[in-house]
C-alpha atoms as a PDB file:
ATOM      1  CA  MET A   1       6.913  19.239 -15.729  1.00  0.00           C
ATOM      2  CA  GLN A   2       5.817  16.038 -17.190  1.00  0.00           C
ATOM      3  CA  THR A   3       8.913  14.736 -15.671  1.00  0.00           C
ATOM      4  CA  MET A   4       7.871  15.381 -12.173  1.00  0.00           C
ATOM      5  CA  HIS A   5       4.894  13.816 -12.380  1.00  0.00           C
ATOM      6  CA  ASN A   6       6.373  10.602 -13.899  1.00  0.00           C
ATOM      7  CA  ASP A   7       8.951  10.866 -11.044  1.00  0.00           C
ATOM      8  CA  ALA A   8       5.864  11.105  -8.312  1.00  0.00           C
ATOM      9  CA  LYS A   9       4.346   8.391 -10.065  1.00  0.00           C
ATOM     10  CA  ASP A  10       7.121   6.198  -9.912  1.00  0.00           C
ATOM     11  CA  LYS A  11       7.572   7.133  -5.835  1.00  0.00           C
ATOM     12  CA  PHE A  12       4.790   5.793  -5.142  1.00  0.00           C
ATOM     13  CA  GLU A  13       4.272   2.285  -7.269  1.00  0.00           C
ATOM     14  CA  LEU A  14       7.638   1.929  -5.814  1.00  0.00           C
ATOM     15  CA  HIS A  15       6.142   2.031  -2.063  1.00  0.00           C
ATOM     16  CA  LEU A  16       3.586   0.158  -3.180  1.00  0.00           C
ATOM     17  CA  ASP A  17       5.734  -2.946  -4.679  1.00  0.00           C
ATOM     18  CA  GLU A  18       7.692  -2.479  -1.544  1.00  0.00           C
ATOM     19  CA  MET A  19       4.684  -2.545   0.792  1.00  0.00           C
ATOM     20  CA  ILE A  20       3.319  -5.733  -0.801  1.00  0.00           C
ATOM     21  CA  LYS A  21       6.052  -7.610  -0.353  1.00  0.00           C
ATOM     22  CA  LYS A  22       6.005  -6.652   3.205  1.00  0.00           C
ATOM     23  CA  VAL A  23       2.211  -7.580   3.537  1.00  0.00           C
ATOM     24  CA  GLN A  24       2.685 -10.738   1.963  1.00  0.00           C
ATOM     25  CA  ALA A  25       6.156 -11.620   3.873  1.00  0.00           C
ATOM     26  CA  CYS A  26       3.802 -11.177   6.757  1.00  0.00           C
ATOM     27  CA  GLN A  27       0.819 -13.579   5.766  1.00  0.00           C
ATOM     28  CA  ASN A  28       3.660 -15.953   4.712  1.00  0.00           C
ATOM     29  CA  GLU A  29       5.132 -16.173   8.329  1.00  0.00           C
ATOM     30  CA  LYS A  30       1.748 -16.232  10.054  1.00  0.00           C
ATOM     31  CA  GLY A  31       0.384 -18.996   7.320  1.00  0.00           C
ATOM     32  CA  HIS A  32      -2.195 -16.737   6.111  1.00  0.00           C
ATOM     33  CA  LYS A  33      -3.665 -16.459   2.455  1.00  0.00           C
ATOM     34  CA  SER A  34      -5.171 -13.119   3.456  1.00  0.00           C
ATOM     35  CA  CYS A  35      -4.804 -10.329   6.194  1.00  0.00           C
ATOM     36  CA  SER A  36      -8.321 -11.065   6.913  1.00  0.00           C
ATOM     37  CA  ALA A  37      -7.352 -14.591   8.320  1.00  0.00           C
ATOM     38  CA  CYS A  38      -5.250 -12.985  10.784  1.00  0.00           C
ATOM     39  CA  GLU A  39      -5.754 -11.852  14.288  1.00  0.00           C
ATOM     40  CA  LEU A  40      -3.969  -8.439  14.524  1.00  0.00           C
ATOM     41  CA  TYR A  41      -6.669  -7.666  11.694  1.00  0.00           C
ATOM     42  CA  ILE A  42      -7.765  -4.810  13.076  1.00  0.00           C
ATOM     43  CA  GLY A  43      -4.863  -1.774  14.510  1.00  0.00           C
ATOM     44  CA  CYS A  44      -2.207  -3.855  12.744  1.00  0.00           C
ATOM     45  CA  GLN A  45       0.563  -0.482  11.307  1.00  0.00           C
ATOM     46  CA  LEU A  46       1.783  -2.799   8.301  1.00  0.00           C
ATOM     47  CA  ARG A  47      -1.659  -3.462   6.903  1.00  0.00           C
ATOM     48  CA  ASP A  48      -2.929   0.287   7.991  1.00  0.00           C
ATOM     49  CA  GLU A  49       0.536   1.997   5.677  1.00  0.00           C
ATOM     50  CA  TYR A  50      -0.088  -0.830   2.822  1.00  0.00           C
ATOM     51  CA  VAL A  51      -3.880   0.324   2.379  1.00  0.00           C
ATOM     52  CA  LYS A  52      -2.155   4.116   2.700  1.00  0.00           C
ATOM     53  CA  ALA A  53       0.382   3.406   0.263  1.00  0.00           C
ATOM     54  CA  VAL A  54      -2.861   1.754  -2.387  1.00  0.00           C
ATOM     55  CA  TYR A  55      -4.635   4.605  -1.676  1.00  0.00           C
ATOM     56  CA  ASN A  56      -1.582   7.046  -2.939  1.00  0.00           C
ATOM     57  CA  SER A  57      -0.734   4.718  -5.677  1.00  0.00           C
ATOM     58  CA  MET A  58      -3.918   5.537  -6.902  1.00  0.00           C
ATOM     59  CA  SER A  59      -4.058   8.816  -6.274  1.00  0.00           C
ATOM     60  CA  LYS A  60      -0.228   9.873  -6.864  1.00  0.00           C
ATOM     61  CA  GLY A  61      -0.626  11.572  -3.147  1.00  0.00           C
ATOM     62  CA  ASP A  62      -3.065  14.485  -4.011  1.00  0.00           C
ATOM     63  CA  THR A  63      -5.935  14.639  -1.812  1.00  0.00           C
ATOM     64  CA  GLY A  64      -9.755  15.054  -2.054  1.00  0.00           C
ATOM     65  CA  GLY A  65     -11.520  14.276  -5.566  1.00  0.00           C
ATOM     66  CA  PHE A  66     -10.651  10.481  -5.614  1.00  0.00           C
ATOM     67  CA  GLU A  67     -13.079   7.794  -6.016  1.00  0.00           C
ATOM     68  CA  PHE A  68     -13.064   4.786  -5.728  1.00  0.00           C
END
């Protein structure tokens, strides 16, 4: 059972790492140091996917009971 938990953890962390690279590449391309400086900040699909990846890496895909 422990191995399955580690596999899930790795999956979520790997996805988060991938999303961080994509967000940083977008920021560099647009010349921004932060997404909040971008005119597409609200409604940005890439940023939305990044936020979901952060949440999933912290909760390991579990729903409910997670507190910030």
